[in-house]
């Protein structure tokens, strides 16, 4: 039987000692304030920023959920990219991650905290990291492969931090709402920008768009550079918002979630992403498999749908109907320029895999060979390095059967464990957590569905979603431990 961590005993059963910690921190803050008051005259207000950071560190040590919420908001809203690439400002992403890593180490060393299920989840991520290293070693262009490995490893580190902190229901709900807040923030800017036609305003990097000649109007990209990944992220956030609109207890919070879901869905439409729309529909279908809609919810969703119909762009339906071209068995008969390019990219990926079936061409090395294969295929008139239009073909081309099997195996494990966790949460009487689990299941299912025809751009948001899915199993483990500890006769 697992016992509560030292941190939990300090927090719940040793309040006087906690008061001593509080007094100690207060005394340190007082001394630090005096030092800052003197140093400001010599070094300016930069020292005041250090004071704020020190105070924030103290708060987050005891309230780490706030730090995780900030990380998730930064990741899903692509704040780092908007700050650094668009505005040239210092980005908050890496400092925030290092900040939270320090918090995790403090809690681990000072309070001897050992989260339930954390090591098991880290082991799964470790296996994937090893498979990536194998792909780096076998790559022809090791430099490119190593850069991608470092990028993914940073994402896995963030996953480990999130999993360390998100252990119980309040933490999970806080994390979910931070993701929803990021979606509402991005979508609101996109909707306002599209309706007011203020395309000359970048909204500090969060009001991105691109003009596509074959669409005939601006397509919203938000901070994601291109419409398709933006639509993919909006689809998964939409279902989280819809779940909260359906299952939150307070009417005001439900109204906020429902309004957010409406804004997010409208922004998704304004991306003009056909793949995003298919992912959106698939995600809702999976969600309804877990949550049978009531009469009230059907009318609510219907009313929301009718409202959105009034705001649809011109020829939006006609653009969706072009998806029927993909049914054609003859690639040369495809008229849509975008579809021809994607078909060429996918054929090239498949041929690369056939030429290198075991290990692929190496992590992120597909683009190094694309033009050679593209000339042989003769479908794509573009003469530029490209990535595959499918995550799964991208995996096969870059990492071969071995790397792809490990990746798919991890995703399948996450799905199975999340499905079982939902059932266990219902058995434990934690219905709200079970609802969140079903929403996460639908969100991940929608993401992986769209990955059939979209590559792995913006993996930081994907791995953050994986961390939340894995965290649900930790919530279950802690609920069981609490039940066993406080109600041993019921076990």
Protein backbone atom coordinates (compact mmCIF):
# COMPACT_ATOMS: atom_id res chain seq x y z
CA UNK A 1 0.00 0.00 0.00
CA UNK A 2 1.44 3.38 -1.02
CA UNK A 3 1.72 5.95 1.75
CA UNK A 4 1.32 9.70 1.38
CA UNK A 5 4.47 11.56 0.40
CA UNK A 6 6.29 13.71 2.93
CA UNK A 7 4.94 16.77 1.20
CA UNK A 8 1.35 15.60 1.68
CA UNK A 9 1.99 14.89 5.37
CA UNK A 10 3.53 18.34 5.83
CA UNK A 11 0.64 19.98 4.06
CA UNK A 12 -2.21 18.06 5.70
CA UNK A 13 -1.01 16.83 9.08
CA UNK A 14 1.80 19.16 10.14
CA UNK A 15 0.39 22.64 9.65
CA UNK A 16 2.54 24.17 12.43
CA UNK A 17 5.70 23.12 10.60
CA UNK A 18 4.28 24.57 7.41
CA UNK A 19 3.80 27.82 9.29
CA UNK A 20 7.49 27.71 10.15
CA UNK A 21 8.32 27.37 6.47
CA UNK A 22 6.02 30.30 5.74
CA UNK A 23 7.71 32.45 8.38
CA UNK A 24 11.12 31.47 7.06
CA UNK A 25 10.18 32.43 3.52
CA UNK A 26 8.64 35.66 4.75
CA UNK A 27 11.85 36.52 6.61
CA UNK A 28 13.93 35.75 3.53
CA UNK A 29 11.58 37.88 1.40
CA UNK A 30 11.94 40.75 3.88
CA UNK A 31 15.73 40.63 3.75
CA UNK A 32 15.62 40.32 -0.02
CA UNK A 33 13.31 43.33 -0.23
CA UNK A 34 15.74 45.43 1.78
CA UNK A 35 18.60 44.36 -0.49
CA UNK A 36 16.52 45.19 -3.57
CA UNK A 37 15.56 48.60 -2.21
CA UNK A 38 19.24 49.46 -1.85
CA UNK A 39 20.38 47.76 -5.08
CA UNK A 40 17.71 49.39 -7.26
CA UNK A 41 19.43 52.72 -6.88
CA UNK A 42 22.57 51.22 -8.40
CA UNK A 43 21.29 48.64 -10.90
CA UNK A 44 17.82 49.91 -11.87
CA UNK A 45 14.54 48.05 -12.06
CA UNK A 46 16.04 44.81 -13.35
CA UNK A 47 16.52 43.81 -9.73
CA UNK A 48 12.81 44.29 -9.12
CA UNK A 49 12.17 41.69 -11.81
CA UNK A 50 14.42 39.32 -9.88
CA UNK A 51 12.35 40.00 -6.76
CA UNK A 52 9.15 39.15 -8.59
CA UNK A 53 10.76 35.96 -9.84
CA UNK A 54 11.86 35.00 -6.33
CA UNK A 55 8.36 35.56 -4.94
CA UNK A 56 6.86 33.58 -7.83
CA UNK A 57 9.26 30.73 -7.08
CA UNK A 58 8.09 30.60 -3.48
CA UNK A 59 4.43 30.57 -4.56
CA UNK A 60 4.89 27.95 -7.26
CA UNK A 61 6.82 25.63 -4.93
CA UNK A 62 3.62 25.25 -2.92
CA UNK A 63 1.20 25.90 -5.82
CA UNK A 64 2.93 24.22 -8.80
CA UNK A 65 -0.40 23.93 -10.66
CA UNK A 66 -0.01 27.62 -11.53
CA UNK A 67 3.32 26.96 -13.17
CA UNK A 68 1.94 24.05 -15.19
CA UNK A 69 -1.02 26.19 -16.28
CA UNK A 70 1.39 28.85 -17.53
CA UNK A 71 3.49 26.29 -19.42
CA UNK A 72 0.43 24.80 -21.12
CA UNK A 73 -0.87 28.23 -22.10
CA UNK A 74 2.51 29.20 -23.55
CA UNK A 75 2.75 25.93 -25.50
CA UNK A 76 -0.75 25.78 -26.97
CA UNK A 77 -0.88 29.52 -27.77
CA UNK A 78 2.65 29.38 -29.22
CA UNK A 79 3.63 32.37 -27.08
CA UNK A 80 7.33 31.56 -27.47
CA UNK A 81 7.18 31.79 -31.26
CA UNK A 82 5.09 34.98 -31.20
CA UNK A 83 7.48 36.67 -28.80
CA UNK A 84 10.78 35.60 -30.36
CA UNK A 85 10.13 35.22 -34.10
CA UNK A 86 7.50 37.91 -34.63
CA UNK A 87 8.29 40.59 -32.06
CA UNK A 88 11.95 39.91 -31.31
CA UNK A 89 11.25 39.80 -27.58
CA UNK A 90 12.77 37.38 -25.08
CA UNK A 91 10.57 34.28 -25.03
CA UNK A 92 9.07 33.04 -21.75
CA UNK A 93 9.05 29.36 -22.79
CA UNK A 94 12.45 28.00 -21.83
CA UNK A 95 12.89 30.16 -18.71
CA UNK A 96 9.48 28.99 -17.54
CA UNK A 97 10.35 25.34 -18.17
CA UNK A 98 13.66 25.71 -16.31
CA UNK A 99 11.78 27.48 -13.53
CA UNK A 100 9.36 24.56 -13.19
CA UNK A 101 12.19 22.05 -13.42
CA UNK A 102 13.72 23.77 -10.41
CA UNK A 103 10.36 23.53 -8.63
CA UNK A 104 10.20 19.80 -9.35
CA UNK A 105 13.71 19.29 -7.99
CA UNK A 106 12.90 21.32 -4.87
CA UNK A 107 9.78 19.26 -4.18
CA UNK A 108 11.69 16.06 -4.89
CA UNK A 109 14.65 16.90 -2.65
CA UNK A 110 13.04 18.96 0.12
CA UNK A 111 9.76 17.05 0.47
CA UNK A 112 10.88 13.65 -0.85
CA UNK A 113 7.83 13.68 -3.13
CA UNK A 114 7.33 10.53 -5.24
CA UNK A 115 4.30 10.91 -7.53
CA UNK A 116 2.22 7.80 -8.17
CA UNK A 117 2.78 6.30 -11.61
CA UNK A 118 5.38 8.89 -12.60
CA UNK A 119 8.31 6.53 -13.07
CA UNK A 120 6.22 4.16 -15.18
CA UNK A 121 5.26 6.98 -17.52
CA UNK A 122 8.85 8.24 -17.68
CA UNK A 123 9.97 4.72 -18.63
CA UNK A 124 7.58 4.78 -21.62
CA UNK A 125 8.95 8.14 -22.74
CA UNK A 126 12.50 6.86 -22.27
CA UNK A 127 11.90 4.02 -24.71
CA UNK A 128 10.76 6.52 -27.33
CA UNK A 129 13.81 8.73 -26.69
CA UNK A 130 16.08 5.71 -27.29
CA UNK A 131 14.34 5.00 -30.60
CA UNK A 132 14.96 8.61 -31.65
CA UNK A 133 18.65 8.28 -30.79
CA UNK A 134 18.81 5.21 -33.00
CA UNK A 135 17.34 7.26 -35.83
CA UNK A 136 19.97 9.95 -35.28
CA UNK A 137 22.82 7.44 -35.47
CA UNK A 138 21.55 5.94 -38.73
CA UNK A 139 20.86 9.30 -40.43
CA UNK A 140 23.00 10.54 -43.31
CA UNK A 141 22.65 14.15 -42.15
CA UNK A 142 23.38 13.71 -38.45
CA UNK A 143 23.32 17.47 -37.77
CA UNK A 144 19.69 17.86 -38.87
CA UNK A 145 18.70 14.66 -37.05
CA UNK A 146 20.41 15.78 -33.83
CA UNK A 147 18.66 19.16 -33.91
CA UNK A 148 15.29 17.42 -34.18
CA UNK A 149 16.22 15.02 -31.38
CA UNK A 150 17.05 17.93 -29.06
CA UNK A 151 13.73 19.56 -29.95
CA UNK A 152 11.76 16.40 -29.17
CA UNK A 153 13.80 15.75 -26.02
CA UNK A 154 12.89 19.22 -24.74
CA UNK A 155 9.23 18.34 -25.30
CA UNK A 156 9.67 15.05 -23.42
CA UNK A 157 11.25 16.97 -20.54
CA UNK A 158 8.17 19.20 -20.41
CA UNK A 159 5.99 16.07 -20.38
CA UNK A 160 7.97 14.74 -17.41
CA UNK A 161 7.47 18.03 -15.52
CA UNK A 162 3.73 18.07 -16.24
CA UNK A 163 3.37 14.45 -15.16
CA UNK A 164 5.27 15.15 -11.93
CA UNK A 165 2.83 17.91 -10.95
CA UNK A 166 -0.55 16.83 -12.39
CA UNK A 167 -1.40 14.09 -9.93
CA UNK A 168 -4.89 14.86 -8.66
CA UNK A 169 -8.24 16.14 -9.86
CA UNK A 170 -7.73 19.86 -9.12
CA UNK A 171 -4.40 19.83 -10.96
CA UNK A 172 -5.94 18.07 -13.95
CA UNK A 173 -8.87 20.50 -14.15
CA UNK A 174 -6.51 23.47 -13.85
CA UNK A 175 -4.41 22.10 -16.71
CA UNK A 176 -7.45 21.51 -18.92
CA UNK A 177 -8.73 25.02 -18.34
CA UNK A 178 -5.35 26.54 -19.18
CA UNK A 179 -5.49 24.76 -22.55
CA UNK A 180 -9.04 26.01 -23.11
CA UNK A 181 -7.94 29.54 -22.17
CA UNK A 182 -5.18 29.35 -24.78
CA UNK A 183 -7.73 28.26 -27.39
CA UNK A 184 -10.16 31.04 -26.53
CA UNK A 185 -7.33 33.60 -26.61
CA UNK A 186 -6.11 32.56 -30.07
CA UNK A 187 -9.57 32.03 -31.54
CA UNK A 188 -10.88 35.38 -30.31
CA UNK A 189 -8.08 37.21 -32.07
CA UNK A 190 -8.62 35.21 -35.28
CA UNK A 191 -12.38 35.82 -35.30
CA UNK A 192 -12.02 39.55 -34.60
CA UNK A 193 -9.32 39.86 -37.24
CA UNK A 194 -11.39 38.05 -39.86
CA UNK A 195 -14.65 39.88 -39.16
CA UNK A 196 -13.02 43.33 -39.01
CA UNK A 197 -10.64 42.59 -41.94
CA UNK A 198 -7.72 43.99 -39.94
CA UNK A 199 -5.17 41.80 -41.72
CA UNK A 200 -2.53 44.50 -41.53
CA UNK A 201 -2.47 44.08 -37.75
CA UNK A 202 -0.36 41.15 -36.54
CA UNK A 203 -1.85 41.37 -33.03
CA UNK A 204 1.67 40.89 -31.67
CA UNK A 205 2.12 37.64 -33.57
CA UNK A 206 -1.16 36.01 -32.55
CA UNK A 207 -3.16 37.27 -35.55
CA UNK A 208 -1.48 35.31 -38.31
CA UNK A 209 -3.02 34.61 -41.71
CA UNK A 210 -2.00 33.62 -45.21
CA UNK A 211 -3.55 34.40 -48.57
CA UNK A 212 -4.16 31.40 -50.78
CA UNK A 213 -4.90 31.97 -54.45
CA UNK A 214 -6.93 28.80 -54.88
CA UNK A 215 -9.06 29.68 -51.84
CA UNK A 216 -9.48 33.33 -52.81
CA UNK A 217 -9.41 34.83 -49.31
CA UNK A 218 -7.15 35.05 -46.24
CA UNK A 219 -6.90 31.87 -44.19
CA UNK A 220 -6.37 32.30 -40.47
CA UNK A 221 -3.24 30.75 -39.03
CA UNK A 222 -3.14 32.29 -35.56
CA UNK A 223 0.38 31.92 -34.14
CA UNK A 224 0.86 28.58 -35.98
CA UNK A 225 2.20 29.98 -39.31
CA UNK A 226 -0.02 27.75 -41.49
CA UNK A 227 -3.77 27.00 -41.33
CA UNK A 228 -3.72 23.20 -41.02
CA UNK A 229 -1.80 22.78 -37.73
CA UNK A 230 -3.81 25.68 -36.29
CA UNK A 231 -7.05 23.93 -37.22
CA UNK A 232 -5.76 20.66 -35.77
CA UNK A 233 -5.07 22.28 -32.40
CA UNK A 234 -8.35 24.21 -32.40
CA UNK A 235 -10.28 20.97 -33.01
CA UNK A 236 -8.82 19.27 -29.94
CA UNK A 237 -9.27 22.36 -27.73
CA UNK A 238 -12.87 22.68 -28.94
CA UNK A 239 -13.77 19.25 -27.59
CA UNK A 240 -12.21 20.05 -24.21
CA UNK A 241 -14.28 23.26 -24.07
CA UNK A 242 -17.43 21.40 -25.14
CA UNK A 243 -16.89 18.85 -22.38
CA UNK A 244 -16.58 21.59 -19.75
CA UNK A 245 -19.68 23.33 -21.14
CA UNK A 246 -21.50 20.03 -20.76
CA UNK A 247 -20.26 18.89 -17.37
CA UNK A 248 -19.15 21.85 -15.26
CA UNK A 249 -21.39 22.35 -12.22
CA UNK A 250 -21.54 26.16 -12.13
CA UNK A 251 -23.73 27.78 -14.76
CA UNK A 252 -21.38 30.73 -15.29
CA UNK A 253 -18.40 28.47 -15.97
CA UNK A 254 -20.48 26.35 -18.33
CA UNK A 255 -21.51 29.51 -20.20
CA UNK A 256 -17.87 30.57 -20.52
CA UNK A 257 -16.91 27.13 -21.83
CA UNK A 258 -19.81 27.09 -24.33
CA UNK A 259 -18.95 30.57 -25.59
CA UNK A 260 -15.34 29.51 -25.91
CA UNK A 261 -16.34 26.41 -27.88
CA UNK A 262 -18.34 28.60 -30.28
CA UNK A 263 -15.48 31.04 -30.82
CA UNK A 264 -12.98 28.22 -31.30
CA UNK A 265 -15.18 26.45 -33.86
CA UNK A 266 -15.65 29.71 -35.79
CA UNK A 267 -11.90 30.31 -35.85
CA UNK A 268 -11.44 26.76 -37.11
CA UNK A 269 -13.84 27.48 -39.99
CA UNK A 270 -11.89 30.63 -40.83
CA UNK A 271 -8.74 28.56 -41.32
CA UNK A 272 -10.43 27.10 -44.44
CA UNK A 273 -8.72 23.83 -43.56
CA UNK A 274 -10.54 20.90 -45.11
CA UNK A 275 -8.50 18.48 -43.05
CA UNK A 276 -9.25 20.51 -39.94
CA UNK A 277 -12.98 20.25 -40.62
CA UNK A 278 -12.75 16.45 -41.00
CA UNK A 279 -10.78 16.23 -37.75
CA UNK A 280 -13.34 18.50 -36.07
CA UNK A 281 -16.23 16.23 -37.14
CA UNK A 282 -14.36 13.04 -36.19
CA UNK A 283 -13.46 14.41 -32.74
CA UNK A 284 -17.11 15.26 -32.03
CA UNK A 285 -18.17 11.77 -33.19
CA UNK A 286 -15.73 10.08 -30.80
CA UNK A 287 -16.81 12.37 -27.98
CA UNK A 288 -20.48 11.45 -28.51
CA UNK A 289 -19.55 7.77 -28.33
CA UNK A 290 -18.67 8.37 -24.67
CA UNK A 291 -21.25 11.05 -23.90
CA UNK A 292 -24.76 10.38 -25.15
CA UNK A 293 -26.29 13.80 -25.90
CA UNK A 294 -29.43 14.83 -24.05
CA UNK A 295 -32.32 16.71 -25.63
CA UNK A 296 -31.08 19.96 -24.10
CA UNK A 297 -27.54 19.49 -25.37
CA UNK A 298 -28.78 18.60 -28.86
CA UNK A 299 -30.80 21.81 -29.03
CA UNK A 300 -27.86 23.81 -27.67
CA UNK A 301 -25.41 22.40 -30.18
CA UNK A 302 -27.99 22.81 -32.96
CA UNK A 303 -28.49 26.47 -32.07
CA UNK A 304 -24.73 26.98 -32.02
CA UNK A 305 -24.47 25.29 -35.42
CA UNK A 306 -27.18 27.49 -36.94
CA UNK A 307 -25.41 30.57 -35.63
CA UNK A 308 -22.12 29.48 -37.16
CA UNK A 309 -23.81 28.82 -40.51
CA UNK A 310 -24.61 32.51 -40.76
CA UNK A 311 -20.90 33.33 -40.49
CA UNK A 312 -19.54 30.78 -42.98
CA UNK A 313 -17.23 32.24 -45.63
CA UNK A 314 -18.34 32.29 -49.25
CA UNK A 315 -17.89 29.00 -51.18
CA UNK A 316 -16.84 27.21 -47.97
CA UNK A 317 -19.10 24.26 -48.77
CA UNK A 318 -17.75 24.06 -52.32
CA UNK A 319 -14.23 23.90 -50.95
CA UNK A 320 -15.15 21.01 -48.67
CA UNK A 321 -16.62 19.12 -51.63
CA UNK A 322 -13.19 19.12 -53.32
CA UNK A 323 -12.28 16.38 -50.83
CA UNK A 324 -14.04 13.96 -53.18
CA UNK A 325 -11.05 14.24 -55.52
CA UNK A 326 -9.05 12.15 -53.07
CA UNK A 327 -11.26 9.16 -53.86
CA UNK A 328 -9.86 9.07 -57.41
CA UNK A 329 -7.49 6.12 -57.87
CA UNK A 330 -5.48 7.91 -60.57
CA UNK A 331 -3.10 10.46 -58.96
CA UNK A 332 -2.52 12.23 -62.29
CA UNK A 333 -6.28 13.00 -62.51
CA UNK A 334 -6.25 15.11 -59.35
CA UNK A 335 -6.90 18.74 -60.28
CA UNK A 336 -6.40 20.46 -56.92
CA UNK A 337 -2.82 21.78 -56.81
CA UNK A 338 -2.58 21.25 -53.06
CA UNK A 339 -3.72 17.64 -53.34
CA UNK A 340 -1.24 16.94 -56.14
CA UNK A 341 1.62 18.24 -53.99
CA UNK A 342 0.56 16.19 -50.99
CA UNK A 343 0.13 13.07 -53.10
CA UNK A 344 3.67 13.52 -54.42
CA UNK A 345 5.02 13.99 -50.90
CA UNK A 346 3.34 10.83 -49.64
CA UNK A 347 4.43 8.71 -52.60
CA UNK A 348 7.99 9.91 -52.02
CA UNK A 349 7.76 9.00 -48.33
CA UNK A 350 6.55 5.49 -49.18
CA UNK A 351 9.36 4.97 -51.67
CA UNK A 352 11.95 6.19 -49.16
CA UNK A 353 10.57 3.68 -46.68
CA UNK A 354 10.80 0.85 -49.23
CA UNK A 355 14.41 1.81 -49.91
CA UNK A 356 15.23 1.97 -46.17
CA UNK A 357 12.67 -0.28 -44.43
CA UNK A 358 14.39 -0.95 -41.10
CA UNK A 359 15.63 2.46 -39.90
CA UNK A 360 14.40 4.90 -42.56
CA UNK A 361 16.53 7.72 -43.95
CA UNK A 362 17.08 9.21 -40.50
CA UNK A 363 15.29 11.58 -38.15
CA UNK A 364 14.08 14.70 -40.05
CA UNK A 365 16.07 13.63 -43.14
CA UNK A 366 13.07 13.20 -45.47
CA UNK A 367 13.32 16.75 -46.82
CA UNK A 368 16.96 16.12 -47.78
CA UNK A 369 15.85 13.56 -50.36
CA UNK A 370 12.41 14.79 -51.42
CA UNK A 371 13.40 16.60 -54.61
CA UNK A 372 15.21 13.54 -55.96
CA UNK A 373 12.10 11.42 -55.50
CA UNK A 374 9.73 14.20 -56.64
CA UNK A 375 11.40 14.46 -60.05
CA UNK A 376 10.88 10.74 -60.58
CA UNK A 377 7.20 10.92 -59.55
CA UNK A 378 6.41 13.94 -61.74
CA UNK A 379 3.33 15.23 -59.88
CA UNK A 380 4.70 18.20 -57.93
CA UNK A 381 5.80 21.26 -59.89
CA UNK A 382 7.31 22.86 -56.79
CA UNK A 383 11.09 22.66 -56.58
CA UNK A 384 11.58 23.00 -52.84
CA UNK A 385 12.29 20.71 -49.90
CA UNK A 386 9.05 19.41 -48.44
CA UNK A 387 7.78 17.21 -45.62
CA UNK A 388 5.27 14.37 -46.04
CA UNK A 389 1.56 15.17 -45.80
CA UNK A 390 1.08 12.34 -43.32
CA UNK A 391 2.59 11.78 -39.89
CA UNK A 392 2.60 8.01 -40.34
CA UNK A 393 4.35 8.11 -43.70
CA UNK A 394 6.75 10.66 -42.24
CA UNK A 395 7.57 8.21 -39.45
CA UNK A 396 8.09 5.35 -41.91
CA UNK A 397 10.34 7.44 -44.15
CA UNK A 398 12.43 8.95 -41.34
CA UNK A 399 12.53 6.16 -38.74
CA UNK A 400 11.56 3.00 -40.59
CA UNK A 401 9.58 0.11 -39.18
CA UNK A 402 11.38 0.06 -35.84
CA UNK A 403 10.86 3.70 -34.92
CA UNK A 404 7.31 3.73 -36.28
CA UNK A 405 6.35 0.59 -34.35
CA UNK A 406 7.63 2.10 -31.09
CA UNK A 407 5.78 5.38 -31.70
CA UNK A 408 2.50 3.67 -32.62
CA UNK A 409 2.90 1.28 -29.70
CA UNK A 410 3.19 4.19 -27.24
CA UNK A 411 0.10 5.90 -28.68
CA UNK A 412 -1.88 2.64 -28.45
CA UNK A 413 -0.77 2.20 -24.83
CA UNK A 414 -1.89 5.76 -24.02
CA UNK A 415 -5.31 5.09 -25.60
CA UNK A 416 -5.78 1.79 -23.74
CA UNK A 417 -4.71 3.20 -20.38
CA UNK A 418 -6.88 6.30 -20.85
CA UNK A 419 -9.91 4.15 -21.72
CA UNK A 420 -9.37 1.94 -18.66
CA UNK A 421 -8.77 5.00 -16.45
CA UNK A 422 -12.15 6.41 -17.49
CA UNK A 423 -13.90 3.21 -16.40
CA UNK A 424 -11.99 3.16 -13.12
CA UNK A 425 -12.88 6.77 -12.41
CA UNK A 426 -16.56 5.97 -12.89
CA UNK A 427 -16.21 3.01 -10.51
CA UNK A 428 -14.53 5.28 -7.96
CA UNK A 429 -17.36 7.77 -8.23
CA UNK A 430 -15.23 10.52 -9.79
CA UNK A 431 -17.54 11.32 -12.69
CA UNK A 432 -16.08 14.71 -13.57
CA UNK A 433 -12.60 13.22 -13.99
CA UNK A 434 -14.15 10.48 -16.12
CA UNK A 435 -15.74 13.12 -18.34
CA UNK A 436 -12.38 14.82 -18.74
CA UNK A 437 -10.81 11.46 -19.61
CA UNK A 438 -13.36 10.89 -22.37
CA UNK A 439 -12.76 14.40 -23.74
CA UNK A 440 -9.00 13.80 -23.79
CA UNK A 441 -9.58 10.46 -25.52
CA UNK A 442 -11.65 12.20 -28.21
CA UNK A 443 -9.09 15.02 -28.53
CA UNK A 444 -6.21 12.59 -29.01
CA UNK A 445 -8.28 10.47 -31.41
CA UNK A 446 -9.04 13.56 -33.51
CA UNK A 447 -5.39 14.59 -33.52
CA UNK A 448 -4.22 11.14 -34.62
CA UNK A 449 -6.99 11.01 -37.24
CA UNK A 450 -5.84 14.26 -38.83
CA UNK A 451 -2.27 12.95 -38.69
CA UNK A 452 -3.27 10.54 -41.47
CA UNK A 453 -3.09 13.49 -43.84
CA UNK A 454 -0.89 15.94 -41.89
CA UNK A 455 2.69 15.78 -40.67
CA UNK A 456 4.14 16.35 -37.20
CA UNK A 457 4.48 20.14 -37.14
CA UNK A 458 4.31 21.79 -33.69
CA UNK A 459 5.00 18.66 -31.69
CA UNK A 460 5.14 20.66 -28.43
CA UNK A 461 1.34 20.90 -28.36
CA UNK A 462 1.03 17.20 -29.22
CA UNK A 463 3.32 16.05 -26.43
CA UNK A 464 1.52 18.34 -23.98
CA UNK A 465 -1.72 16.58 -24.95
CA UNK A 466 -0.01 13.21 -24.40
CA UNK A 467 1.11 14.33 -20.94
CA UNK A 468 -2.46 15.21 -19.93
CA UNK A 469 -3.72 11.85 -21.21
CA UNK A 470 -1.04 10.03 -19.21
CA UNK A 471 -1.74 12.16 -16.15
CA UNK A 472 -5.28 10.76 -15.94
CA UNK A 473 -3.83 7.37 -14.97
CA UNK A 474 -1.94 9.09 -12.15
CA UNK A 475 -5.17 10.70 -10.91
CA UNK A 476 -6.70 7.21 -10.76
CA UNK A 477 -3.71 5.83 -8.85
CA UNK A 478 -3.92 8.59 -6.26
CA UNK A 479 -7.68 8.16 -5.85
CA UNK A 480 -7.14 4.46 -5.21
CA UNK A 481 -4.38 5.20 -2.71
CA UNK A 482 -6.60 7.68 -0.89
CA UNK A 483 -9.46 5.18 -0.81
CA UNK A 484 -7.16 2.47 0.54
CA UNK A 485 -5.61 4.79 3.12
CA UNK A 486 -8.76 6.36 4.52
CA UNK A 487 -11.32 3.65 3.83
CA UNK A 488 -9.42 0.34 4.17
CA UNK A 489 -12.60 -1.64 4.83
CA UNK A 490 -13.96 -0.73 1.37
CA UNK A 491 -10.97 -2.25 -0.43
